[in-house]
Amino acid sequence: GMVRASFTTANSALAHNWISALVRAGDEWFVGTYGGGVLRVDDSGRWSRFADMPRDTEVNPGAMLATERAVYAGTLARGILIHDRATGRWRAQTQGLPSANVTALAARGGFIYIGTDNGLVRAPEQILIAQ
């Protein structure tokens, strides 16, 4: 129950101290920030940025999800960011969303449920990954 590490902009790759979402994927953590996009930290505490992640991206509070195939991040204005775990690449998806403000994410039965400030979308994960 003891704190073993504390990460800030002063001692890590974080661009912003405002952490808005966290999700574990395999042996890594994906860290969503409000204004600094998504970063990755491994179990040893080694941080890395993604070359294809826009650094000024606001990840909405709690709006991250990891599945076997992908990591998803809901953003304030860029729709849903999708990290294909097989290719290691990020891309943004806004097509088919009722709003670019993605506030909630969930997965069940091969579908990704995407909550926005203008309604809910249910999309097959295989379609989201394939696009």
Protein backbone atom coordinates (compact mmCIF):
# COMPACT_ATOMS: atom_id res chain seq x y z
CA GLY A 1 0.00 0.00 0.00
CA MET A 2 2.96 2.36 -0.10
CA VAL A 3 3.65 4.80 -2.92
CA ARG A 4 6.65 3.50 -4.86
CA ALA A 5 6.94 6.22 -7.49
CA SER A 6 5.52 9.60 -8.32
CA PHE A 7 5.67 10.93 -11.86
CA THR A 8 5.35 14.57 -12.90
CA THR A 9 6.57 16.76 -15.74
CA ALA A 10 9.73 17.32 -13.69
CA ASN A 11 10.86 13.67 -13.59
CA SER A 12 9.20 11.90 -16.53
CA ALA A 13 8.16 12.30 -20.16
CA LEU A 14 4.80 13.75 -19.13
CA ALA A 15 3.98 16.92 -21.04
CA HIS A 16 1.20 17.81 -18.58
CA ASN A 17 0.65 16.79 -14.96
CA TRP A 18 -3.12 16.56 -15.45
CA ILE A 19 -3.69 12.81 -15.84
CA SER A 20 -7.24 12.25 -17.01
CA ALA A 21 -7.31 8.50 -17.76
CA LEU A 22 -5.26 5.33 -17.28
CA VAL A 23 -5.55 1.88 -18.77
CA ARG A 24 -3.38 -1.23 -18.57
CA ALA A 25 -2.60 -3.11 -21.78
CA GLY A 26 -0.34 -6.13 -21.39
CA ASP A 27 2.74 -5.14 -19.40
CA GLU A 28 2.29 -1.42 -20.04
CA TRP A 29 0.16 1.45 -18.87
CA PHE A 30 -1.33 3.95 -21.28
CA VAL A 31 -1.58 7.36 -19.64
CA GLY A 32 -4.08 9.86 -21.00
CA THR A 33 -3.45 13.51 -20.22
CA TYR A 34 -5.53 16.60 -20.59
CA GLY A 35 -3.49 18.54 -23.12
CA GLY A 36 -0.55 16.19 -23.66
CA GLY A 37 -2.10 13.24 -25.49
CA VAL A 38 -1.36 9.64 -24.53
CA LEU A 39 1.98 8.29 -23.30
CA ARG A 40 3.10 4.80 -22.36
CA VAL A 41 4.96 3.63 -19.25
CA ASP A 42 6.22 0.09 -18.71
CA ASP A 43 6.54 -1.85 -15.47
CA SER A 44 10.12 -0.63 -14.98
CA GLY A 45 8.96 3.02 -15.08
CA ARG A 46 10.34 3.73 -18.55
CA TRP A 47 8.23 6.30 -20.40
CA SER A 48 7.72 6.64 -24.14
CA ARG A 49 5.84 8.97 -26.44
CA PHE A 50 4.13 8.00 -29.66
CA ALA A 51 5.41 9.71 -32.81
CA ASP A 52 1.91 9.74 -34.32
CA MET A 53 0.14 11.09 -31.21
CA PRO A 54 -0.83 14.78 -31.43
CA ARG A 55 0.71 16.20 -28.24
CA ASP A 56 -1.93 18.86 -27.64
CA THR A 57 -4.74 16.28 -27.41
CA GLU A 58 -7.13 16.41 -24.46
CA VAL A 59 -8.11 12.92 -23.31
CA ASN A 60 -11.43 13.12 -21.49
CA PRO A 61 -11.58 12.01 -17.85
CA GLY A 62 -11.88 8.24 -17.60
CA ALA A 63 -12.35 7.83 -21.35
CA MET A 64 -9.80 5.08 -22.07
CA LEU A 65 -10.27 1.40 -22.81
CA ALA A 66 -7.96 -1.50 -23.64
CA THR A 67 -8.94 -4.68 -25.46
CA GLU A 68 -6.83 -7.53 -26.83
CA ARG A 69 -6.59 -5.70 -30.15
CA ALA A 70 -6.47 -1.99 -29.35
CA VAL A 71 -6.28 0.85 -26.89
CA TYR A 72 -8.95 3.53 -27.25
CA ALA A 73 -8.89 7.11 -25.95
CA GLY A 74 -11.87 9.45 -26.00
CA THR A 75 -10.92 13.04 -26.70
CA LEU A 76 -12.47 16.45 -26.24
CA ALA A 77 -12.32 17.43 -29.93
CA ARG A 78 -10.61 14.68 -31.99
CA GLY A 79 -13.17 11.88 -31.63
CA ILE A 80 -11.79 8.51 -30.62
CA LEU A 81 -8.08 7.74 -30.88
CA ILE A 82 -7.37 4.10 -31.72
CA HIS A 83 -4.02 2.44 -31.03
CA ASP A 84 -3.74 -0.80 -33.00
CA ARG A 85 -1.70 -3.03 -30.70
CA ALA A 86 -0.48 -5.17 -33.62
CA THR A 87 0.97 -2.27 -35.63
CA GLY A 88 1.72 0.12 -32.76
CA ARG A 89 0.06 3.00 -34.66
CA TRP A 90 -2.53 5.56 -33.53
CA ARG A 91 -5.25 7.07 -35.68
CA ALA A 92 -8.25 9.29 -35.04
CA GLN A 93 -11.82 8.29 -35.89
CA THR A 94 -14.63 10.81 -36.12
CA GLN A 95 -16.67 9.29 -38.95
CA GLY A 96 -19.97 7.91 -37.69
CA LEU A 97 -19.75 9.64 -34.32
CA PRO A 98 -22.53 12.04 -33.31
CA SER A 99 -19.88 14.33 -31.79
CA ALA A 100 -16.08 14.65 -31.74
CA ASN A 101 -16.29 14.91 -27.93
CA VAL A 102 -15.97 11.26 -26.78
CA THR A 103 -16.71 11.03 -23.07
CA ALA A 104 -17.05 7.30 -22.32
CA LEU A 105 -15.89 3.93 -23.68
CA ALA A 106 -16.86 0.33 -22.96
CA ALA A 107 -16.46 -3.06 -24.67
CA ARG A 108 -18.63 -6.16 -24.71
CA GLY A 109 -19.20 -9.03 -27.10
CA GLY A 110 -16.95 -7.72 -29.86
CA PHE A 111 -18.51 -4.25 -29.81
CA ILE A 112 -17.12 -0.93 -28.63
CA TYR A 113 -19.63 1.42 -27.05
CA ILE A 114 -18.68 5.05 -27.61
CA GLY A 115 -20.38 7.69 -25.50
CA THR A 116 -20.34 11.29 -26.71
CA ASP A 117 -21.91 14.53 -25.57
CA ASN A 118 -24.52 13.94 -28.29
CA GLY A 119 -25.41 10.27 -27.90
CA LEU A 120 -24.09 6.70 -27.92
CA VAL A 121 -22.65 4.59 -30.76
CA ARG A 122 -22.14 0.83 -30.81
CA ALA A 123 -19.48 -0.24 -33.33
CA PRO A 124 -17.98 -3.67 -34.08
CA GLU A 125 -14.37 -3.61 -32.92
CA GLN A 126 -13.18 -5.42 -36.05
CA ILE A 127 -14.56 -2.54 -38.14
CA LEU A 128 -12.89 0.11 -35.96
CA ILE A 129 -9.52 -1.67 -36.18
CA ALA A 130 -9.77 -2.33 -39.94
CA GLN A 131 -10.42 1.27 -40.98
